Amino acid sequence: MGGGVYEDSQTVGGYRRVKRKAAAVFRSSRVKRGVEKLGVAVQNSYFVNWLTSEPEPEVIVIDLRETYTIGPIIRLLDAVAPHVERMWSGSLLQRALARTATLIEELAETRVGELAKKLFEPPEPPEEKDR
């Protein structure tokens, strides 16, 4: 037998086309690029560098995974994270958020969107006067 009723369905084919297009839109969206830039900024931040730097010899290092209070939380997150990631990939919520991001980008390019950007962007900081 061929592909079967399910694979030959116009509904399934339409769904797959929409899914491919939505994934392509999200891959090239400003939201994704913004999140990637935010990730780079966080990774290059002083705080993250301070947290991940090698400790000085006189500094005591405590592995939080071995503590009674934080250890169980970290183990729970380690156990749950792969399942959540698997459920998130291709989920209806992920697709809805991708579509929402696309709509927001489209709306941001309208006159109303430009006005909203001007309304909500923070003011320029005052210039400091030399004393």
C-alpha atoms as a PDB file:
ATOM      1  CA  MET A   1       0.000   0.000   0.000  1.00  0.00           C
ATOM      2  CA  GLY A   2       1.035   3.631  -0.553  1.00  0.00           C
ATOM      3  CA  GLY A   3       1.261   6.427   1.974  1.00  0.00           C
ATOM      4  CA  GLY A   4      -2.158   5.752   3.441  1.00  0.00           C
ATOM      5  CA  VAL A   5      -5.138   7.970   4.065  1.00  0.00           C
ATOM      6  CA  TYR A   6      -3.426  10.043   6.727  1.00  0.00           C
ATOM      7  CA  GLU A   7      -0.416  11.017   4.610  1.00  0.00           C
ATOM      8  CA  ASP A   8      -2.572  11.773   1.535  1.00  0.00           C
ATOM      9  CA  SER A   9      -4.994  13.997   3.474  1.00  0.00           C
ATOM     10  CA  GLN A  10      -5.334  17.570   2.230  1.00  0.00           C
ATOM     11  CA  THR A  11      -5.767  18.729   5.817  1.00  0.00           C
ATOM     12  CA  VAL A  12      -2.509  17.120   6.890  1.00  0.00           C
ATOM     13  CA  GLY A  13      -0.747  18.512   3.828  1.00  0.00           C
ATOM     14  CA  GLY A  14      -2.094  21.991   4.543  1.00  0.00           C
ATOM     15  CA  TYR A  15      -1.080  21.727   8.157  1.00  0.00           C
ATOM     16  CA  ARG A  16       2.460  20.715   7.176  1.00  0.00           C
ATOM     17  CA  ARG A  17       2.766  23.623   4.710  1.00  0.00           C
ATOM     18  CA  VAL A  18       1.574  26.112   7.328  1.00  0.00           C
ATOM     19  CA  LYS A  19       3.940  24.614   9.893  1.00  0.00           C
ATOM     20  CA  ARG A  20       6.930  24.924   7.521  1.00  0.00           C
ATOM     21  CA  LYS A  21       6.048  28.517   6.657  1.00  0.00           C
ATOM     22  CA  ALA A  22       5.568  29.495  10.316  1.00  0.00           C
ATOM     23  CA  ALA A  23       8.890  27.898  11.245  1.00  0.00           C
ATOM     24  CA  ALA A  24      10.612  29.763   8.407  1.00  0.00           C
ATOM     25  CA  VAL A  25       9.040  33.047   9.516  1.00  0.00           C
ATOM     26  CA  PHE A  26      10.123  32.502  13.113  1.00  0.00           C
ATOM     27  CA  ARG A  27      13.690  31.564  12.089  1.00  0.00           C
ATOM     28  CA  SER A  28      14.055  34.893  10.303  1.00  0.00           C
ATOM     29  CA  SER A  29      12.031  37.023  12.748  1.00  0.00           C
ATOM     30  CA  ARG A  30      13.212  40.061  14.640  1.00  0.00           C
ATOM     31  CA  VAL A  31      12.035  38.500  17.894  1.00  0.00           C
ATOM     32  CA  LYS A  32      14.383  35.540  17.421  1.00  0.00           C
ATOM     33  CA  ARG A  33      17.263  37.852  16.498  1.00  0.00           C
ATOM     34  CA  GLY A  34      16.461  39.999  19.537  1.00  0.00           C
ATOM     35  CA  VAL A  35      16.485  36.984  21.845  1.00  0.00           C
ATOM     36  CA  GLU A  36      19.797  35.849  20.343  1.00  0.00           C
ATOM     37  CA  LYS A  37      21.288  39.332  20.862  1.00  0.00           C
ATOM     38  CA  LEU A  38      19.991  39.344  24.425  1.00  0.00           C
ATOM     39  CA  GLY A  39      21.644  35.961  24.988  1.00  0.00           C
ATOM     40  CA  VAL A  40      24.959  37.276  23.689  1.00  0.00           C
ATOM     41  CA  ALA A  41      24.637  40.380  25.870  1.00  0.00           C
ATOM     42  CA  VAL A  42      23.909  38.271  28.950  1.00  0.00           C
ATOM     43  CA  GLN A  43      26.819  35.929  28.217  1.00  0.00           C
ATOM     44  CA  ASN A  44      29.154  38.900  27.813  1.00  0.00           C
ATOM     45  CA  SER A  45      27.864  40.712  30.891  1.00  0.00           C
ATOM     46  CA  TYR A  46      30.073  41.465  33.869  1.00  0.00           C
ATOM     47  CA  PHE A  47      27.770  39.563  36.243  1.00  0.00           C
ATOM     48  CA  VAL A  48      27.837  36.329  34.213  1.00  0.00           C
ATOM     49  CA  ASN A  49      31.590  36.608  33.761  1.00  0.00           C
ATOM     50  CA  TRP A  50      31.952  37.150  37.493  1.00  0.00           C
ATOM     51  CA  LEU A  51      29.754  34.132  38.269  1.00  0.00           C
ATOM     52  CA  THR A  52      31.545  31.825  35.846  1.00  0.00           C
ATOM     53  CA  SER A  53      35.126  32.965  36.408  1.00  0.00           C
ATOM     54  CA  GLU A  54      37.648  30.772  38.136  1.00  0.00           C
ATOM     55  CA  PRO A  55      37.676  31.431  41.872  1.00  0.00           C
ATOM     56  CA  GLU A  56      40.616  33.010  43.576  1.00  0.00           C
ATOM     57  CA  PRO A  57      42.662  30.566  45.665  1.00  0.00           C
ATOM     58  CA  GLU A  58      41.390  31.903  48.995  1.00  0.00           C
ATOM     59  CA  VAL A  59      37.754  31.781  47.927  1.00  0.00           C
ATOM     60  CA  ILE A  60      35.642  28.888  49.224  1.00  0.00           C
ATOM     61  CA  VAL A  61      33.530  27.250  46.541  1.00  0.00           C
ATOM     62  CA  ILE A  62      30.238  25.621  47.505  1.00  0.00           C
ATOM     63  CA  ASP A  63      28.630  23.285  44.999  1.00  0.00           C
ATOM     64  CA  LEU A  64      24.943  24.112  45.360  1.00  0.00           C
ATOM     65  CA  ARG A  65      24.005  20.748  43.841  1.00  0.00           C
ATOM     66  CA  GLU A  66      25.285  19.119  47.028  1.00  0.00           C
ATOM     67  CA  THR A  67      23.293  21.311  49.418  1.00  0.00           C
ATOM     68  CA  TYR A  68      20.068  20.201  51.084  1.00  0.00           C
ATOM     69  CA  THR A  69      18.073  23.263  50.048  1.00  0.00           C
ATOM     70  CA  ILE A  70      19.114  23.962  46.449  1.00  0.00           C
ATOM     71  CA  GLY A  71      20.267  20.483  45.410  1.00  0.00           C
ATOM     72  CA  PRO A  72      16.772  18.943  45.105  1.00  0.00           C
ATOM     73  CA  ILE A  73      15.553  21.913  43.079  1.00  0.00           C
ATOM     74  CA  ILE A  74      18.475  21.616  40.659  1.00  0.00           C
ATOM     75  CA  ARG A  75      17.958  17.845  40.338  1.00  0.00           C
ATOM     76  CA  LEU A  76      14.259  18.407  39.648  1.00  0.00           C
ATOM     77  CA  LEU A  77      15.024  21.006  36.980  1.00  0.00           C
ATOM     78  CA  ASP A  78      17.625  18.710  35.399  1.00  0.00           C
ATOM     79  CA  ALA A  79      15.082  15.894  35.274  1.00  0.00           C
ATOM     80  CA  VAL A  80      12.176  17.966  33.969  1.00  0.00           C
ATOM     81  CA  ALA A  81      13.988  20.228  31.452  1.00  0.00           C
ATOM     82  CA  PRO A  82      14.394  17.658  28.632  1.00  0.00           C
ATOM     83  CA  HIS A  83      10.713  16.707  28.842  1.00  0.00           C
ATOM     84  CA  VAL A  84       9.578  20.336  28.807  1.00  0.00           C
ATOM     85  CA  GLU A  85      11.853  21.080  25.857  1.00  0.00           C
ATOM     86  CA  ARG A  86      10.502  18.087  23.941  1.00  0.00           C
ATOM     87  CA  MET A  87       6.898  19.139  24.649  1.00  0.00           C
ATOM     88  CA  TRP A  88       7.671  22.759  23.689  1.00  0.00           C
ATOM     89  CA  SER A  89       9.189  21.884  20.305  1.00  0.00           C
ATOM     90  CA  GLY A  90       6.402  21.998  17.760  1.00  0.00           C
ATOM     91  CA  SER A  91       3.730  22.687  20.381  1.00  0.00           C
ATOM     92  CA  LEU A  92       0.660  24.737  19.681  1.00  0.00           C
ATOM     93  CA  LEU A  93       1.876  27.363  22.162  1.00  0.00           C
ATOM     94  CA  GLN A  94       5.227  27.681  20.385  1.00  0.00           C
ATOM     95  CA  ARG A  95       3.498  28.094  17.038  1.00  0.00           C
ATOM     96  CA  ALA A  96       1.052  30.619  18.508  1.00  0.00           C
ATOM     97  CA  LEU A  97       3.909  32.640  20.001  1.00  0.00           C
ATOM     98  CA  ALA A  98       5.770  32.567  16.679  1.00  0.00           C
ATOM     99  CA  ARG A  99       2.655  33.838  14.900  1.00  0.00           C
ATOM    100  CA  THR A 100       2.127  36.485  17.568  1.00  0.00           C
ATOM    101  CA  ALA A 101       5.728  37.636  17.157  1.00  0.00           C
ATOM    102  CA  THR A 102       5.187  37.914  13.412  1.00  0.00           C
ATOM    103  CA  LEU A 103       2.013  39.931  13.918  1.00  0.00           C
ATOM    104  CA  ILE A 104       3.737  42.237  16.395  1.00  0.00           C
ATOM    105  CA  GLU A 105       6.561  42.832  13.922  1.00  0.00           C
ATOM    106  CA  GLU A 106       4.041  43.624  11.194  1.00  0.00           C
ATOM    107  CA  LEU A 107       2.110  45.974  13.484  1.00  0.00           C
ATOM    108  CA  ALA A 108       5.311  47.709  14.624  1.00  0.00           C
ATOM    109  CA  GLU A 109       5.885  48.856  11.051  1.00  0.00           C
ATOM    110  CA  THR A 110       2.540  50.670  10.864  1.00  0.00           C
ATOM    111  CA  ARG A 111       1.951  54.295  11.861  1.00  0.00           C
ATOM    112  CA  VAL A 112       0.248  53.182  15.065  1.00  0.00           C
ATOM    113  CA  GLY A 113       3.223  50.923  15.832  1.00  0.00           C
ATOM    114  CA  GLU A 114       5.680  53.761  15.274  1.00  0.00           C
ATOM    115  CA  LEU A 115       3.609  55.956  17.588  1.00  0.00           C
ATOM    116  CA  ALA A 116       3.535  53.227  20.256  1.00  0.00           C
ATOM    117  CA  LYS A 117       7.330  52.849  20.018  1.00  0.00           C
ATOM    118  CA  LYS A 118       7.796  56.582  20.536  1.00  0.00           C
ATOM    119  CA  LEU A 119       5.318  56.552  23.405  1.00  0.00           C
ATOM    120  CA  PHE A 120       6.914  53.667  25.306  1.00  0.00           C
ATOM    121  CA  GLU A 121      10.618  54.156  24.675  1.00  0.00           C
ATOM    122  CA  PRO A 122      12.429  55.638  27.652  1.00  0.00           C
ATOM    123  CA  PRO A 123      13.563  59.255  27.476  1.00  0.00           C
ATOM    124  CA  GLU A 124      17.172  60.110  26.824  1.00  0.00           C
ATOM    125  CA  PRO A 125      19.163  60.428  30.065  1.00  0.00           C
ATOM    126  CA  PRO A 126      20.013  63.988  31.021  1.00  0.00           C
ATOM    127  CA  GLU A 127      23.516  65.108  30.157  1.00  0.00           C
ATOM    128  CA  GLU A 128      25.812  65.389  33.124  1.00  0.00           C
ATOM    129  CA  LYS A 129      27.284  68.819  33.609  1.00  0.00           C
ATOM    130  CA  ASP A 130      30.957  69.004  34.520  1.00  0.00           C
ATOM    131  CA  ARG A 131      31.489  70.742  37.823  1.00  0.00           C
END
